[in-house]
PDB file of N, CA and C in Angstrom:
ATOM      1  N   MET A   1     -20.258 -19.230 -88.321  1.00  0.00           N
ATOM      2  CA  MET A   1     -19.241 -19.462 -87.449  1.00  0.00           C
ATOM      3  C   MET A   1     -19.505 -19.496 -86.823  1.00  0.00           C
ATOM      4  N   TYR A   2     -20.870 -19.795 -85.993  1.00  0.00           N
ATOM      5  CA  TYR A   2     -20.442 -20.592 -84.560  1.00  0.00           C
ATOM      6  C   TYR A   2     -20.820 -22.512 -85.357  1.00  0.00           C
ATOM      7  N   ARG A   3     -21.977 -22.580 -86.377  1.00  0.00           N
ATOM      8  CA  ARG A   3     -21.806 -23.617 -86.986  1.00  0.00           C
ATOM      9  C   ARG A   3     -20.475 -24.745 -87.022  1.00  0.00           C
ATOM     10  N   ARG A   4     -20.047 -23.373 -87.709  1.00  0.00           N
ATOM     11  CA  ARG A   4     -17.879 -24.676 -87.643  1.00  0.00           C
ATOM     12  C   ARG A   4     -17.744 -24.138 -86.221  1.00  0.00           C
ATOM     13  N   SER A   5     -17.515 -23.877 -85.193  1.00  0.00           N
ATOM     14  CA  SER A   5     -16.039 -23.981 -84.216  1.00  0.00           C
ATOM     15  C   SER A   5     -17.418 -25.200 -83.301  1.00  0.00           C
ATOM     16  N   VAL A   6     -18.502 -25.349 -83.432  1.00  0.00           N
ATOM     17  CA  VAL A   6     -19.411 -26.391 -82.417  1.00  0.00           C
ATOM     18  C   VAL A   6     -19.327 -27.802 -84.001  1.00  0.00           C
ATOM     19  N   PHE A   7     -18.572 -28.064 -85.092  1.00  0.00           N
ATOM     20  CA  PHE A   7     -18.170 -28.809 -85.416  1.00  0.00           C
ATOM     21  C   PHE A   7     -16.762 -28.962 -85.067  1.00  0.00           C
ATOM     22  N   VAL A   8     -15.594 -28.846 -85.055  1.00  0.00           N
ATOM     23  CA  VAL A   8     -14.354 -28.259 -84.997  1.00  0.00           C
ATOM     24  C   VAL A   8     -14.481 -28.576 -83.176  1.00  0.00           C
ATOM     25  N   GLY A   9     -15.311 -27.915 -82.283  1.00  0.00           N
ATOM     26  CA  GLY A   9     -14.931 -28.601 -81.019  1.00  0.00           C
ATOM     27  C   GLY A   9     -15.668 -30.861 -80.765  1.00  0.00           C
ATOM     28  N   GLU A  10     -16.251 -31.276 -81.736  1.00  0.00           N
ATOM     29  CA  GLU A  10     -16.987 -32.040 -81.374  1.00  0.00           C
ATOM     30  C   GLU A  10     -15.567 -33.088 -81.638  1.00  0.00           C
ATOM     31  N   PRO A  11     -15.063 -33.639 -81.656  1.00  0.00           N
ATOM     32  CA  PRO A  11     -13.987 -34.686 -81.691  1.00  0.00           C
ATOM     33  C   PRO A  11     -13.181 -34.027 -81.327  1.00  0.00           C
ATOM     34  N   CYS A  12     -12.785 -32.964 -80.503  1.00  0.00           N
ATOM     35  CA  CYS A  12     -12.310 -33.125 -79.288  1.00  0.00           C
ATOM     36  C   CYS A  12     -13.006 -33.605 -77.986  1.00  0.00           C
ATOM     37  N   ARG A  13     -14.573 -33.436 -77.669  1.00  0.00           N
ATOM     38  CA  ARG A  13     -15.360 -33.832 -76.572  1.00  0.00           C
ATOM     39  C   ARG A  13     -15.102 -35.543 -76.548  1.00  0.00           C
ATOM     40  N   ARG A  14     -15.231 -35.767 -78.039  1.00  0.00           N
ATOM     41  CA  ARG A  14     -15.864 -37.038 -78.188  1.00  0.00           C
ATOM     42  C   ARG A  14     -14.542 -37.700 -77.944  1.00  0.00           C
ATOM     43  N   SER A  15     -13.229 -37.838 -77.581  1.00  0.00           N
ATOM     44  CA  SER A  15     -11.857 -38.165 -77.402  1.00  0.00           C
ATOM     45  C   SER A  15     -11.735 -37.816 -76.081  1.00  0.00           C
ATOM     46  N   VAL A  16     -12.390 -37.232 -76.014  1.00  0.00           N
ATOM     47  CA  VAL A  16     -12.463 -37.005 -74.159  1.00  0.00           C
ATOM     48  C   VAL A  16     -13.150 -38.523 -73.672  1.00  0.00           C
ATOM     49  N   MET A  17     -13.824 -38.238 -73.590  1.00  0.00           N
ATOM     50  CA  MET A  17     -14.897 -39.069 -72.762  1.00  0.00           C
ATOM     51  C   MET A  17     -14.555 -40.047 -73.893  1.00  0.00           C
ATOM     52  N   HIS A  18     -14.035 -41.091 -74.621  1.00  0.00           N
ATOM     53  CA  HIS A  18     -13.556 -42.413 -75.106  1.00  0.00           C
ATOM     54  C   HIS A  18     -12.390 -41.985 -73.617  1.00  0.00           C
ATOM     55  N   GLY A  19     -11.196 -41.289 -72.914  1.00  0.00           N
ATOM     56  CA  GLY A  19     -10.111 -41.168 -72.757  1.00  0.00           C
ATOM     57  C   GLY A  19     -10.610 -41.282 -71.514  1.00  0.00           C
ATOM     58  N   ILE A  20     -12.445 -41.300 -70.815  1.00  0.00           N
ATOM     59  CA  ILE A  20     -12.869 -41.031 -69.869  1.00  0.00           C
ATOM     60  C   ILE A  20     -12.979 -42.158 -69.257  1.00  0.00           C
ATOM     61  N   ILE A  21     -13.982 -42.886 -70.582  1.00  0.00           N
ATOM     62  CA  ILE A  21     -14.066 -44.771 -70.470  1.00  0.00           C
ATOM     63  C   ILE A  21     -13.053 -45.543 -70.241  1.00  0.00           C
ATOM     64  N   TYR A  22     -12.034 -44.600 -70.864  1.00  0.00           N
ATOM     65  CA  TYR A  22     -10.443 -45.825 -70.700  1.00  0.00           C
ATOM     66  C   TYR A  22     -10.424 -45.988 -69.458  1.00  0.00           C
ATOM     67  N   ILE A  23     -10.410 -44.448 -69.218  1.00  0.00           N
ATOM     68  CA  ILE A  23      -9.163 -44.972 -68.122  1.00  0.00           C
ATOM     69  C   ILE A  23     -10.566 -44.929 -66.569  1.00  0.00           C
ATOM     70  N   VAL A  24     -11.935 -45.404 -66.662  1.00  0.00           N
ATOM     71  CA  VAL A  24     -12.672 -46.128 -65.651  1.00  0.00           C
ATOM     72  C   VAL A  24     -12.479 -47.668 -66.204  1.00  0.00           C
ATOM     73  N   GLY A  25     -12.310 -48.135 -67.455  1.00  0.00           N
ATOM     74  CA  GLY A  25     -12.872 -49.340 -67.360  1.00  0.00           C
ATOM     75  C   GLY A  25     -11.539 -50.103 -67.012  1.00  0.00           C
ATOM     76  N   LEU A  26     -10.334 -49.236 -66.828  1.00  0.00           N
ATOM     77  CA  LEU A  26      -9.010 -49.904 -66.891  1.00  0.00           C
ATOM     78  C   LEU A  26      -8.407 -49.422 -64.919  1.00  0.00           C
ATOM     79  N   ILE A  27      -9.426 -48.696 -64.621  1.00  0.00           N
ATOM     80  CA  ILE A  27      -9.344 -49.024 -62.714  1.00  0.00           C
ATOM     81  C   ILE A  27     -10.370 -50.658 -62.494  1.00  0.00           C
ATOM     82  N   VAL A  28     -10.904 -50.394 -63.082  1.00  0.00           N
ATOM     83  CA  VAL A  28     -12.137 -50.698 -63.039  1.00  0.00           C
ATOM     84  C   VAL A  28     -11.592 -52.976 -63.217  1.00  0.00           C
ATOM     85  N   VAL A  29     -10.747 -53.236 -64.059  1.00  0.00           N
ATOM     86  CA  VAL A  29      -9.954 -54.516 -63.534  1.00  0.00           C
ATOM     87  C   VAL A  29      -9.684 -54.695 -63.531  1.00  0.00           C
ATOM     88  N   VAL A  30      -8.373 -53.477 -62.798  1.00  0.00           N
ATOM     89  CA  VAL A  30      -7.315 -53.785 -61.737  1.00  0.00           C
ATOM     90  C   VAL A  30      -8.179 -53.920 -60.432  1.00  0.00           C
ATOM     91  N   LEU A  31      -9.050 -53.355 -60.223  1.00  0.00           N
ATOM     92  CA  LEU A  31     -10.034 -53.085 -58.810  1.00  0.00           C
ATOM     93  C   LEU A  31     -10.083 -55.016 -59.182  1.00  0.00           C
ATOM     94  N   ALA A  32     -10.946 -55.565 -60.170  1.00  0.00           N
ATOM     95  CA  ALA A  32     -11.390 -56.888 -60.049  1.00  0.00           C
ATOM     96  C   ALA A  32     -10.311 -58.200 -59.981  1.00  0.00           C
ATOM     97  N   ILE A  33      -9.137 -57.014 -60.823  1.00  0.00           N
ATOM     98  CA  ILE A  33      -7.415 -58.670 -60.386  1.00  0.00           C
ATOM     99  C   ILE A  33      -7.521 -58.140 -58.920  1.00  0.00           C
ATOM    100  N   LEU A  34      -7.565 -57.645 -58.524  1.00  0.00           N
ATOM    101  CA  LEU A  34      -6.785 -56.843 -56.449  1.00  0.00           C
ATOM    102  C   LEU A  34      -7.801 -58.261 -55.980  1.00  0.00           C
ATOM    103  N   SER A  35      -9.184 -57.592 -56.009  1.00  0.00           N
ATOM    104  CA  SER A  35     -10.457 -58.479 -55.418  1.00  0.00           C
ATOM    105  C   SER A  35     -10.092 -59.756 -55.679  1.00  0.00           C
ATOM    106  N   PHE A  36      -9.999 -60.319 -56.683  1.00  0.00           N
ATOM    107  CA  PHE A  36     -10.080 -61.649 -57.231  1.00  0.00           C
ATOM    108  C   PHE A  36      -8.340 -61.978 -56.398  1.00  0.00           C
ATOM    109  N   PHE A  37      -6.620 -61.112 -56.326  1.00  0.00           N
ATOM    110  CA  PHE A  37      -6.473 -62.285 -55.318  1.00  0.00           C
ATOM    111  C   PHE A  37      -6.424 -61.835 -54.366  1.00  0.00           C
ATOM    112  N   GLY A  38      -6.840 -60.780 -53.726  1.00  0.00           N
ATOM    113  CA  GLY A  38      -7.608 -60.596 -52.455  1.00  0.00           C
ATOM    114  C   GLY A  38      -8.785 -61.957 -51.928  1.00  0.00           C
ATOM    115  N   VAL A  39      -9.635 -62.857 -52.955  1.00  0.00           N
ATOM    116  CA  VAL A  39      -9.942 -63.507 -52.437  1.00  0.00           C
ATOM    117  C   VAL A  39      -9.217 -65.014 -51.904  1.00  0.00           C
ATOM    118  N   ARG A  40      -8.138 -65.266 -53.138  1.00  0.00           N
ATOM    119  CA  ARG A  40      -7.378 -65.910 -53.210  1.00  0.00           C
ATOM    120  C   ARG A  40      -6.044 -66.096 -52.118  1.00  0.00           C
TER     121      ARG A  40
END
């Protein structure tokens, strides 16, 4: 029973991590573009 709950909860945590990584990457790209246009 415990093993099943852990097994079911694993994909959810993984998708959340992917979402956080995607958001952080998006913010980094936006900041890079803003700084690039700020220099020019």
